[in-house]
Amino acid sequence: MDAPQKKAPMLFRALSDPTRLELLKRLKGGEKCVCELTDVMQTGQSRLSFHLKVLKDAGLVSDRRDGRWKYYSMNRDGLNDLKGAVGELDGGTNSTTSVSSVHY
């Protein structure tokens, strides 16, 4: 089993929550402090920290500490792992067939 296949369950589990998807969308615009994210998402700090840890453990976000504050950003390597995992589902091809056009 290659690396994308090994990481796929953790990556997909990390993406299975709407709050985590929203966090990734917010981080797409650049690095954010947890305090910024709590204001924008109107969610408690402890709840966001939990979701950010799940994303970090999956390799989708990185963090850094600056004094009292913790800053999060998207991890491009993690996104590449995600693309690889999705590619494995597609048989590893570069097919231009849309998933919505495939009939089962």
PDB file of N, CA and C in Angstrom:
ATOM      1  N   MET A   1       0.859  -1.179   0.000  1.00  0.00           N
ATOM      2  CA  MET A   1       0.000   0.000   0.000  1.00  0.00           C
ATOM      3  C   MET A   1       0.901   1.237   0.000  1.00  0.00           C
ATOM      4  N   ASP A   2       0.673   2.149  -0.944  1.00  0.00           N
ATOM      5  CA  ASP A   2       1.517   3.340  -1.010  1.00  0.00           C
ATOM      6  C   ASP A   2       1.006   4.431  -0.074  1.00  0.00           C
ATOM      7  N   ALA A   3       1.773   5.516   0.029  1.00  0.00           N
ATOM      8  CA  ALA A   3       1.490   6.583   1.000  1.00  0.00           C
ATOM      9  C   ALA A   3       0.085   7.180   0.883  1.00  0.00           C
ATOM     10  N   PRO A   4      -0.379   7.559  -0.326  1.00  0.00           N
ATOM     11  CA  PRO A   4      -1.728   8.144  -0.389  1.00  0.00           C
ATOM     12  C   PRO A   4      -2.807   7.198   0.137  1.00  0.00           C
ATOM     13  N   GLN A   5      -2.674   5.898  -0.156  1.00  0.00           N
ATOM     14  CA  GLN A   5      -3.680   4.941   0.314  1.00  0.00           C
ATOM     15  C   GLN A   5      -3.654   4.810   1.828  1.00  0.00           C
ATOM     16  N   LYS A   6      -2.470   4.872   2.423  1.00  0.00           N
ATOM     17  CA  LYS A   6      -2.355   4.766   3.875  1.00  0.00           C
ATOM     18  C   LYS A   6      -2.955   5.981   4.566  1.00  0.00           C
ATOM     19  N   LYS A   7      -2.799   7.146   3.965  1.00  0.00           N
ATOM     20  CA  LYS A   7      -3.284   8.381   4.576  1.00  0.00           C
ATOM     21  C   LYS A   7      -4.747   8.674   4.253  1.00  0.00           C
ATOM     22  N   ALA A   8      -5.288   8.034   3.237  1.00  0.00           N
ATOM     23  CA  ALA A   8      -6.641   8.350   2.767  1.00  0.00           C
ATOM     24  C   ALA A   8      -7.699   8.315   3.867  1.00  0.00           C
ATOM     25  N   PRO A   9      -7.768   7.268   4.700  1.00  0.00           N
ATOM     26  CA  PRO A   9      -8.830   7.263   5.720  1.00  0.00           C
ATOM     27  C   PRO A   9      -8.764   8.469   6.659  1.00  0.00           C
ATOM     28  N   MET A  10      -7.563   8.835   7.092  1.00  0.00           N
ATOM     29  CA  MET A  10      -7.425   9.975   8.000  1.00  0.00           C
ATOM     30  C   MET A  10      -7.791  11.278   7.292  1.00  0.00           C
ATOM     31  N   LEU A  11      -7.380  11.406   6.037  1.00  0.00           N
ATOM     32  CA  LEU A  11      -7.698  12.615   5.277  1.00  0.00           C
ATOM     33  C   LEU A  11      -9.201  12.761   5.077  1.00  0.00           C
ATOM     34  N   PHE A  12      -9.851  11.696   4.651  1.00  0.00           N
ATOM     35  CA  PHE A  12     -11.288  11.768   4.395  1.00  0.00           C
ATOM     36  C   PHE A  12     -12.076  11.958   5.692  1.00  0.00           C
ATOM     37  N   ARG A  13     -11.610  11.347   6.782  1.00  0.00           N
ATOM     38  CA  ARG A  13     -12.267  11.543   8.076  1.00  0.00           C
ATOM     39  C   ARG A  13     -12.159  13.007   8.499  1.00  0.00           C
ATOM     40  N   ALA A  14     -10.994  13.600   8.265  1.00  0.00           N
ATOM     41  CA  ALA A  14     -10.796  15.010   8.628  1.00  0.00           C
ATOM     42  C   ALA A  14     -11.726  15.921   7.841  1.00  0.00           C
ATOM     43  N   LEU A  15     -12.049  15.535   6.623  1.00  0.00           N
ATOM     44  CA  LEU A  15     -12.909  16.361   5.770  1.00  0.00           C
ATOM     45  C   LEU A  15     -14.400  16.078   5.961  1.00  0.00           C
ATOM     46  N   SER A  16     -14.720  15.134   6.820  1.00  0.00           N
ATOM     47  CA  SER A  16     -16.119  14.699   6.942  1.00  0.00           C
ATOM     48  C   SER A  16     -16.974  15.592   7.838  1.00  0.00           C
ATOM     49  N   ASP A  17     -16.415  16.670   8.332  1.00  0.00           N
ATOM     50  CA  ASP A  17     -17.160  17.555   9.227  1.00  0.00           C
ATOM     51  C   ASP A  17     -17.292  18.939   8.601  1.00  0.00           C
ATOM     52  N   PRO A  18     -18.488  19.509   8.581  1.00  0.00           N
ATOM     53  CA  PRO A  18     -18.690  20.829   7.966  1.00  0.00           C
ATOM     54  C   PRO A  18     -17.836  21.936   8.596  1.00  0.00           C
ATOM     55  N   THR A  19     -17.611  21.861   9.899  1.00  0.00           N
ATOM     56  CA  THR A  19     -16.781  22.883  10.551  1.00  0.00           C
ATOM     57  C   THR A  19     -15.351  22.822  10.032  1.00  0.00           C
ATOM     58  N   ARG A  20     -14.827  21.616   9.855  1.00  0.00           N
ATOM     59  CA  ARG A  20     -13.453  21.478   9.357  1.00  0.00           C
ATOM     60  C   ARG A  20     -13.348  21.937   7.906  1.00  0.00           C
ATOM     61  N   LEU A  21     -14.364  21.658   7.115  1.00  0.00           N
ATOM     62  CA  LEU A  21     -14.357  22.159   5.735  1.00  0.00           C
ATOM     63  C   LEU A  21     -14.368  23.682   5.713  1.00  0.00           C
ATOM     64  N   GLU A  22     -15.160  24.275   6.584  1.00  0.00           N
ATOM     65  CA  GLU A  22     -15.217  25.739   6.668  1.00  0.00           C
ATOM     66  C   GLU A  22     -13.869  26.303   7.124  1.00  0.00           C
ATOM     67  N   LEU A  23     -13.218  25.638   8.067  1.00  0.00           N
ATOM     68  CA  LEU A  23     -11.893  26.084   8.509  1.00  0.00           C
ATOM     69  C   LEU A  23     -10.903  26.086   7.351  1.00  0.00           C
ATOM     70  N   LEU A  24     -10.924  25.031   6.546  1.00  0.00           N
ATOM     71  CA  LEU A  24     -10.015  24.979   5.395  1.00  0.00           C
ATOM     72  C   LEU A  24     -10.302  26.109   4.415  1.00  0.00           C
ATOM     73  N   LYS A  25     -11.573  26.401   4.196  1.00  0.00           N
ATOM     74  CA  LYS A  25     -11.926  27.517   3.305  1.00  0.00           C
ATOM     75  C   LYS A  25     -11.382  28.825   3.853  1.00  0.00           C
ATOM     76  N   ARG A  26     -11.497  29.016   5.165  1.00  0.00           N
ATOM     77  CA  ARG A  26     -11.003  30.254   5.790  1.00  0.00           C
ATOM     78  C   ARG A  26      -9.484  30.348   5.698  1.00  0.00           C
ATOM     79  N   LEU A  27      -8.803  29.218   5.822  1.00  0.00           N
ATOM     80  CA  LEU A  27      -7.343  29.215   5.786  1.00  0.00           C
ATOM     81  C   LEU A  27      -6.793  29.327   4.369  1.00  0.00           C
ATOM     82  N   LYS A  28      -7.651  29.113   3.393  1.00  0.00           N
ATOM     83  CA  LYS A  28      -7.227  29.242   1.997  1.00  0.00           C
ATOM     84  C   LYS A  28      -6.707  30.649   1.719  1.00  0.00           C
ATOM     85  N   GLY A  29      -7.248  31.629   2.423  1.00  0.00           N
ATOM     86  CA  GLY A  29      -6.844  33.018   2.240  1.00  0.00           C
ATOM     87  C   GLY A  29      -5.546  33.381   2.936  1.00  0.00           C
ATOM     88  N   GLY A  30      -4.945  32.447   3.653  1.00  0.00           N
ATOM     89  CA  GLY A  30      -3.688  32.713   4.337  1.00  0.00           C
ATOM     90  C   GLY A  30      -3.758  32.361   5.812  1.00  0.00           C
ATOM     91  N   GLU A  31      -2.640  32.517   6.461  1.00  0.00           N
ATOM     92  CA  GLU A  31      -2.492  32.175   7.870  1.00  0.00           C
ATOM     93  C   GLU A  31      -3.459  32.972   8.748  1.00  0.00           C
ATOM     94  N   LYS A  32      -4.034  32.286   9.729  1.00  0.00           N
ATOM     95  CA  LYS A  32      -4.989  32.927  10.641  1.00  0.00           C
ATOM     96  C   LYS A  32      -4.693  32.495  12.074  1.00  0.00           C
ATOM     97  N   CYS A  33      -4.899  33.426  12.984  1.00  0.00           N
ATOM     98  CA  CYS A  33      -4.821  33.148  14.416  1.00  0.00           C
ATOM     99  C   CYS A  33      -6.138  32.500  14.842  1.00  0.00           C
ATOM    100  N   VAL A  34      -6.072  31.633  15.837  1.00  0.00           N
ATOM    101  CA  VAL A  34      -7.297  31.011  16.342  1.00  0.00           C
ATOM    102  C   VAL A  34      -8.300  32.083  16.759  1.00  0.00           C
ATOM    103  N   CYS A  35      -7.796  33.175  17.328  1.00  0.00           N
ATOM    104  CA  CYS A  35      -8.710  34.246  17.762  1.00  0.00           C
ATOM    105  C   CYS A  35      -9.474  34.840  16.578  1.00  0.00           C
ATOM    106  N   GLU A  36      -8.822  34.960  15.419  1.00  0.00           N
ATOM    107  CA  GLU A  36      -9.514  35.454  14.217  1.00  0.00           C
ATOM    108  C   GLU A  36     -10.595  34.473  13.776  1.00  0.00           C
ATOM    109  N   LEU A  37     -10.251  33.196  13.811  1.00  0.00           N
ATOM    110  CA  LEU A  37     -11.191  32.166  13.371  1.00  0.00           C
ATOM    111  C   LEU A  37     -12.409  32.089  14.288  1.00  0.00           C
ATOM    112  N   THR A  38     -12.204  32.251  15.596  1.00  0.00           N
ATOM    113  CA  THR A  38     -13.353  32.204  16.509  1.00  0.00           C
ATOM    114  C   THR A  38     -14.299  33.365  16.241  1.00  0.00           C
ATOM    115  N   ASP A  39     -13.746  34.541  15.937  1.00  0.00           N
ATOM    116  CA  ASP A  39     -14.591  35.703  15.636  1.00  0.00           C
ATOM    117  C   ASP A  39     -15.386  35.496  14.353  1.00  0.00           C
ATOM    118  N   VAL A  40     -14.692  35.086  13.311  1.00  0.00           N
ATOM    119  CA  VAL A  40     -15.300  34.941  11.987  1.00  0.00           C
ATOM    120  C   VAL A  40     -16.320  33.806  11.954  1.00  0.00           C
ATOM    121  N   MET A  41     -16.016  32.706  12.633  1.00  0.00           N
ATOM    122  CA  MET A  41     -16.897  31.537  12.589  1.00  0.00           C
ATOM    123  C   MET A  41     -17.902  31.517  13.738  1.00  0.00           C
ATOM    124  N   GLN A  42     -17.784  32.459  14.642  1.00  0.00           N
ATOM    125  CA  GLN A  42     -18.679  32.548  15.793  1.00  0.00           C
ATOM    126  C   GLN A  42     -18.801  31.204  16.511  1.00  0.00           C
ATOM    127  N   THR A  43     -17.629  30.641  16.808  1.00  0.00           N
ATOM    128  CA  THR A  43     -17.531  29.344  17.466  1.00  0.00           C
ATOM    129  C   THR A  43     -16.527  29.458  18.601  1.00  0.00           C
ATOM    130  N   GLY A  44     -16.725  28.687  19.639  1.00  0.00           N
ATOM    131  CA  GLY A  44     -15.824  28.717  20.782  1.00  0.00           C
ATOM    132  C   GLY A  44     -14.418  28.256  20.443  1.00  0.00           C
ATOM    133  N   GLN A  45     -13.453  28.799  21.166  1.00  0.00           N
ATOM    134  CA  GLN A  45     -12.045  28.495  20.926  1.00  0.00           C
ATOM    135  C   GLN A  45     -11.741  27.014  21.139  1.00  0.00           C
ATOM    136  N   SER A  46     -12.303  26.407  22.167  1.00  0.00           N
ATOM    137  CA  SER A  46     -12.000  24.999  22.431  1.00  0.00           C
ATOM    138  C   SER A  46     -12.539  24.097  21.321  1.00  0.00           C
ATOM    139  N   ARG A  47     -13.708  24.428  20.798  1.00  0.00           N
ATOM    140  CA  ARG A  47     -14.288  23.636  19.698  1.00  0.00           C
ATOM    141  C   ARG A  47     -13.436  23.763  18.439  1.00  0.00           C
ATOM    142  N   LEU A  48     -13.017  24.995  18.121  1.00  0.00           N
ATOM    143  CA  LEU A  48     -12.174  25.189  16.940  1.00  0.00           C
ATOM    144  C   LEU A  48     -10.823  24.514  17.110  1.00  0.00           C
ATOM    145  N   SER A  49     -10.258  24.589  18.303  1.00  0.00           N
ATOM    146  CA  SER A  49      -8.964  23.945  18.554  1.00  0.00           C
ATOM    147  C   SER A  49      -9.050  22.442  18.322  1.00  0.00           C
ATOM    148  N   PHE A  50     -10.155  21.832  18.739  1.00  0.00           N
ATOM    149  CA  PHE A  50     -10.356  20.404  18.495  1.00  0.00           C
ATOM    150  C   PHE A  50     -10.338  20.109  16.996  1.00  0.00           C
ATOM    151  N   HIS A  51     -11.108  20.871  16.230  1.00  0.00           N
ATOM    152  CA  HIS A  51     -11.191  20.639  14.788  1.00  0.00           C
ATOM    153  C   HIS A  51      -9.859  20.934  14.095  1.00  0.00           C
ATOM    154  N   LEU A  52      -9.165  21.959  14.540  1.00  0.00           N
ATOM    155  CA  LEU A  52      -7.857  22.275  13.961  1.00  0.00           C
ATOM    156  C   LEU A  52      -6.852  21.162  14.246  1.00  0.00           C
ATOM    157  N   LYS A  53      -6.941  20.541  15.412  1.00  0.00           N
ATOM    158  CA  LYS A  53      -6.048  19.424  15.727  1.00  0.00           C
ATOM    159  C   LYS A  53      -6.316  18.242  14.798  1.00  0.00           C
ATOM    160  N   VAL A  54      -7.578  17.961  14.528  1.00  0.00           N
ATOM    161  CA  VAL A  54      -7.914  16.871  13.600  1.00  0.00           C
ATOM    162  C   VAL A  54      -7.308  17.159  12.228  1.00  0.00           C
ATOM    163  N   LEU A  55      -7.455  18.398  11.760  1.00  0.00           N
ATOM    164  CA  LEU A  55      -6.891  18.776  10.459  1.00  0.00           C
ATOM    165  C   LEU A  55      -5.368  18.714  10.479  1.00  0.00           C
ATOM    166  N   LYS A  56      -4.769  19.116  11.580  1.00  0.00           N
ATOM    167  CA  LYS A  56      -3.306  19.068  11.699  1.00  0.00           C
ATOM    168  C   LYS A  56      -2.823  17.620  11.714  1.00  0.00           C
ATOM    169  N   ASP A  57      -3.486  16.755  12.488  1.00  0.00           N
ATOM    170  CA  ASP A  57      -3.105  15.340  12.550  1.00  0.00           C
ATOM    171  C   ASP A  57      -3.206  14.670  11.186  1.00  0.00           C
ATOM    172  N   ALA A  58      -4.139  15.129  10.363  1.00  0.00           N
ATOM    173  CA  ALA A  58      -4.294  14.589   9.005  1.00  0.00           C
ATOM    174  C   ALA A  58      -3.281  15.203   8.040  1.00  0.00           C
ATOM    175  N   GLY A  59      -2.559  16.216   8.495  1.00  0.00           N
ATOM    176  CA  GLY A  59      -1.553  16.854   7.648  1.00  0.00           C
ATOM    177  C   GLY A  59      -2.101  17.938   6.744  1.00  0.00           C
ATOM    178  N   LEU A  60      -3.337  18.353   6.969  1.00  0.00           N
ATOM    179  CA  LEU A  60      -3.959  19.351   6.093  1.00  0.00           C
ATOM    180  C   LEU A  60      -3.675  20.785   6.516  1.00  0.00           C
ATOM    181  N   VAL A  61      -3.317  20.994   7.780  1.00  0.00           N
ATOM    182  CA  VAL A  61      -2.935  22.331   8.246  1.00  0.00           C
ATOM    183  C   VAL A  61      -1.645  22.239   9.055  1.00  0.00           C
ATOM    184  N   SER A  62      -0.958  23.363   9.119  1.00  0.00           N
ATOM    185  CA  SER A  62       0.249  23.508   9.932  1.00  0.00           C
ATOM    186  C   SER A  62      -0.009  24.612  10.936  1.00  0.00           C
ATOM    187  N   ASP A  63       0.752  24.588  12.013  1.00  0.00           N
ATOM    188  CA  ASP A  63       0.610  25.662  12.991  1.00  0.00           C
ATOM    189  C   ASP A  63       1.974  26.180  13.419  1.00  0.00           C
ATOM    190  N   ARG A  64       1.953  27.382  13.979  1.00  0.00           N
ATOM    191  CA  ARG A  64       3.156  27.961  14.574  1.00  0.00           C
ATOM    192  C   ARG A  64       2.707  28.816  15.745  1.00  0.00           C
ATOM    193  N   ARG A  65       3.564  28.892  16.733  1.00  0.00           N
ATOM    194  CA  ARG A  65       3.258  29.687  17.919  1.00  0.00           C
ATOM    195  C   ARG A  65       4.065  30.972  17.865  1.00  0.00           C
ATOM    196  N   ASP A  66       3.395  32.058  18.228  1.00  0.00           N
ATOM    197  CA  ASP A  66       4.045  33.364  18.331  1.00  0.00           C
ATOM    198  C   ASP A  66       3.594  33.964  19.659  1.00  0.00           C
ATOM    199  N   GLY A  67       4.406  33.780  20.679  1.00  0.00           N
ATOM    200  CA  GLY A  67       4.014  34.227  22.013  1.00  0.00           C
ATOM    201  C   GLY A  67       2.833  33.424  22.520  1.00  0.00           C
ATOM    202  N   ARG A  68       1.776  34.114  22.887  1.00  0.00           N
ATOM    203  CA  ARG A  68       0.565  33.447  23.385  1.00  0.00           C
ATOM    204  C   ARG A  68      -0.305  32.902  22.268  1.00  0.00           C
ATOM    205  N   TRP A  69      -0.094  33.354  21.057  1.00  0.00           N
ATOM    206  CA  TRP A  69      -1.011  33.054  19.957  1.00  0.00           C
ATOM    207  C   TRP A  69      -0.520  31.893  19.105  1.00  0.00           C
ATOM    208  N   LYS A  70      -1.474  31.147  18.604  1.00  0.00           N
ATOM    209  CA  LYS A  70      -1.182  30.054  17.684  1.00  0.00           C
ATOM    210  C   LYS A  70      -1.801  30.397  16.340  1.00  0.00           C
ATOM    211  N   TYR A  71      -1.008  30.273  15.291  1.00  0.00           N
ATOM    212  CA  TYR A  71      -1.443  30.595  13.939  1.00  0.00           C
ATOM    213  C   TYR A  71      -1.496  29.320  13.107  1.00  0.00           C
ATOM    214  N   TYR A  72      -2.531  29.220  12.293  1.00  0.00           N
ATOM    215  CA  TYR A  72      -2.726  28.047  11.438  1.00  0.00           C
ATOM    216  C   TYR A  72      -2.724  28.464   9.976  1.00  0.00           C
ATOM    217  N   SER A  73      -2.232  27.551   9.139  1.00  0.00           N
ATOM    218  CA  SER A  73      -2.243  27.769   7.693  1.00  0.00           C
ATOM    219  C   SER A  73      -2.436  26.419   7.013  1.00  0.00           C
ATOM    220  N   MET A  74      -2.850  26.478   5.750  1.00  0.00           N
ATOM    221  CA  MET A  74      -3.012  25.244   4.984  1.00  0.00           C
ATOM    222  C   MET A  74      -1.640  24.642   4.723  1.00  0.00           C
ATOM    223  N   ASN A  75      -1.579  23.332   4.746  1.00  0.00           N
ATOM    224  CA  ASN A  75      -0.347  22.608   4.465  1.00  0.00           C
ATOM    225  C   ASN A  75      -0.437  22.068   3.037  1.00  0.00           C
ATOM    226  N   ARG A  76       0.324  22.659   2.147  1.00  0.00           N
ATOM    227  CA  ARG A  76       0.266  22.262   0.727  1.00  0.00           C
ATOM    228  C   ARG A  76       0.636  20.796   0.525  1.00  0.00           C
ATOM    229  N   ASP A  77       1.574  20.268   1.319  1.00  0.00           N
ATOM    230  CA  ASP A  77       1.925  18.848   1.195  1.00  0.00           C
ATOM    231  C   ASP A  77       0.723  17.969   1.535  1.00  0.00           C
ATOM    232  N   GLY A  78      -0.036  18.370   2.551  1.00  0.00           N
ATOM    233  CA  GLY A  78      -1.235  17.622   2.917  1.00  0.00           C
ATOM    234  C   GLY A  78      -2.284  17.658   1.823  1.00  0.00           C
ATOM    235  N   LEU A  79      -2.409  18.813   1.177  1.00  0.00           N
ATOM    236  CA  LEU A  79      -3.357  18.921   0.060  1.00  0.00           C
ATOM    237  C   LEU A  79      -2.917  18.042  -1.104  1.00  0.00           C
ATOM    238  N   ASN A  80      -1.608  17.955  -1.328  1.00  0.00           N
ATOM    239  CA  ASN A  80      -1.107  17.067  -2.379  1.00  0.00           C
ATOM    240  C   ASN A  80      -1.378  15.608  -2.029  1.00  0.00           C
ATOM    241  N   ASP A  81      -1.252  15.253  -0.738  1.00  0.00           N
ATOM    242  CA  ASP A  81      -1.602  13.894  -0.306  1.00  0.00           C
ATOM    243  C   ASP A  81      -3.073  13.609  -0.581  1.00  0.00           C
ATOM    244  N   LEU A  82      -3.912  14.602  -0.323  1.00  0.00           N
ATOM    245  CA  LEU A  82      -5.349  14.452  -0.573  1.00  0.00           C
ATOM    246  C   LEU A  82      -5.614  14.243  -2.065  1.00  0.00           C
ATOM    247  N   LYS A  83      -4.958  15.039  -2.893  1.00  0.00           N
ATOM    248  CA  LYS A  83      -5.111  14.863  -4.344  1.00  0.00           C
ATOM    249  C   LYS A  83      -4.659  13.474  -4.769  1.00  0.00           C
ATOM    250  N   GLY A  84      -3.574  12.984  -4.171  1.00  0.00           N
ATOM    251  CA  GLY A  84      -3.090  11.639  -4.486  1.00  0.00           C
ATOM    252  C   GLY A  84      -4.085  10.569  -4.072  1.00  0.00           C
ATOM    253  N   ALA A  85      -4.699  10.756  -2.901  1.00  0.00           N
ATOM    254  CA  ALA A  85      -5.685   9.787  -2.417  1.00  0.00           C
ATOM    255  C   ALA A  85      -6.905   9.760  -3.327  1.00  0.00           C
ATOM    256  N   VAL A  86      -7.348  10.927  -3.781  1.00  0.00           N
ATOM    257  CA  VAL A  86      -8.482  10.994  -4.704  1.00  0.00           C
ATOM    258  C   VAL A  86      -8.089  10.367  -6.039  1.00  0.00           C
ATOM    259  N   GLY A  87      -6.868  10.615  -6.473  1.00  0.00           N
ATOM    260  CA  GLY A  87      -6.379  10.019  -7.714  1.00  0.00           C
ATOM    261  C   GLY A  87      -6.381   8.500  -7.655  1.00  0.00           C
ATOM    262  N   GLU A  88      -6.075   7.951  -6.479  1.00  0.00           N
ATOM    263  CA  GLU A  88      -6.108   6.500  -6.305  1.00  0.00           C
ATOM    264  C   GLU A  88      -7.525   5.960  -6.494  1.00  0.00           C
ATOM    265  N   LEU A  89      -8.517   6.719  -6.082  1.00  0.00           N
ATOM    266  CA  LEU A  89      -9.909   6.298  -6.273  1.00  0.00           C
ATOM    267  C   LEU A  89     -10.278   6.272  -7.748  1.00  0.00           C
ATOM    268  N   ASP A  90      -9.603   7.109  -8.501  1.00  0.00           N
ATOM    269  CA  ASP A  90      -9.862   7.211  -9.936  1.00  0.00           C
ATOM    270  C   ASP A  90      -8.963   6.253 -10.711  1.00  0.00           C
ATOM    271  N   GLY A  91      -8.345   5.328 -10.026  1.00  0.00           N
ATOM    272  CA  GLY A  91      -7.473   4.369 -10.680  1.00  0.00           C
ATOM    273  C   GLY A  91      -6.114   4.947 -11.017  1.00  0.00           C
ATOM    274  N   GLY A  92      -5.811   6.114 -10.454  1.00  0.00           N
ATOM    275  CA  GLY A  92      -4.518   6.727 -10.695  1.00  0.00           C
ATOM    276  C   GLY A  92      -4.377   7.317 -12.075  1.00  0.00           C
ATOM    277  N   THR A  93      -5.480   7.483 -12.775  1.00  0.00           N
ATOM    278  CA  THR A  93      -5.408   8.039 -14.123  1.00  0.00           C
ATOM    279  C   THR A  93      -5.655   9.528 -14.085  1.00  0.00           C
ATOM    280  N   ASN A  94      -5.352  10.167 -15.147  1.00  0.00           N
ATOM    281  CA  ASN A  94      -5.641  11.590 -15.296  1.00  0.00           C
ATOM    282  C   ASN A  94      -6.885  11.772 -16.145  1.00  0.00           C
ATOM    283  N   SER A  95      -7.846  10.928 -15.917  1.00  0.00           N
ATOM    284  CA  SER A  95      -9.069  10.964 -16.705  1.00  0.00           C
ATOM    285  C   SER A  95      -9.776  12.301 -16.558  1.00  0.00           C
ATOM    286  N   THR A  96     -10.337  12.765 -17.669  1.00  0.00           N
ATOM    287  CA  THR A  96     -11.088  14.016 -17.626  1.00  0.00           C
ATOM    288  C   THR A  96     -12.569  13.754 -17.390  1.00  0.00           C
ATOM    289  N   THR A  97     -12.924  12.481 -17.202  1.00  0.00           N
ATOM    290  CA  THR A  97     -14.319  12.148 -16.943  1.00  0.00           C
ATOM    291  C   THR A  97     -14.724  12.682 -15.584  1.00  0.00           C
ATOM    292  N   SER A  98     -15.784  13.407 -15.550  1.00  0.00           N
ATOM    293  CA  SER A  98     -16.294  13.969 -14.304  1.00  0.00           C
ATOM    294  C   SER A  98     -16.919  12.870 -13.468  1.00  0.00           C
ATOM    295  N   VAL A  99     -16.716  12.943 -12.153  1.00  0.00           N
ATOM    296  CA  VAL A  99     -17.308  11.957 -11.257  1.00  0.00           C
ATOM    297  C   VAL A  99     -18.819  11.940 -11.418  1.00  0.00           C
ATOM    298  N   SER A 100     -19.425  13.101 -11.633  1.00  0.00           N
ATOM    299  CA  SER A 100     -20.881  13.150 -11.755  1.00  0.00           C
ATOM    300  C   SER A 100     -21.379  12.490 -13.035  1.00  0.00           C
ATOM    301  N   SER A 101     -20.488  12.284 -14.000  1.00  0.00           N
ATOM    302  CA  SER A 101     -20.931  11.677 -15.253  1.00  0.00           C
ATOM    303  C   SER A 101     -20.736  10.159 -15.270  1.00  0.00           C
ATOM    304  N   VAL A 102     -20.156   9.607 -14.215  1.00  0.00           N
ATOM    305  CA  VAL A 102     -19.950   8.166 -14.149  1.00  0.00           C
ATOM    306  C   VAL A 102     -21.215   7.521 -13.604  1.00  0.00           C
ATOM    307  N   HIS A 103     -21.681   6.477 -14.272  1.00  0.00           N
ATOM    308  CA  HIS A 103     -22.894   5.770 -13.850  1.00  0.00           C
ATOM    309  C   HIS A 103     -22.507   4.425 -13.260  1.00  0.00           C
ATOM    310  N   TYR A 104     -23.102   4.098 -12.124  1.00  0.00           N
ATOM    311  CA  TYR A 104     -22.795   2.831 -11.449  1.00  0.00           C
ATOM    312  C   TYR A 104     -23.951   1.883 -11.557  1.00  0.00           C
TER     313      TYR A 104
END
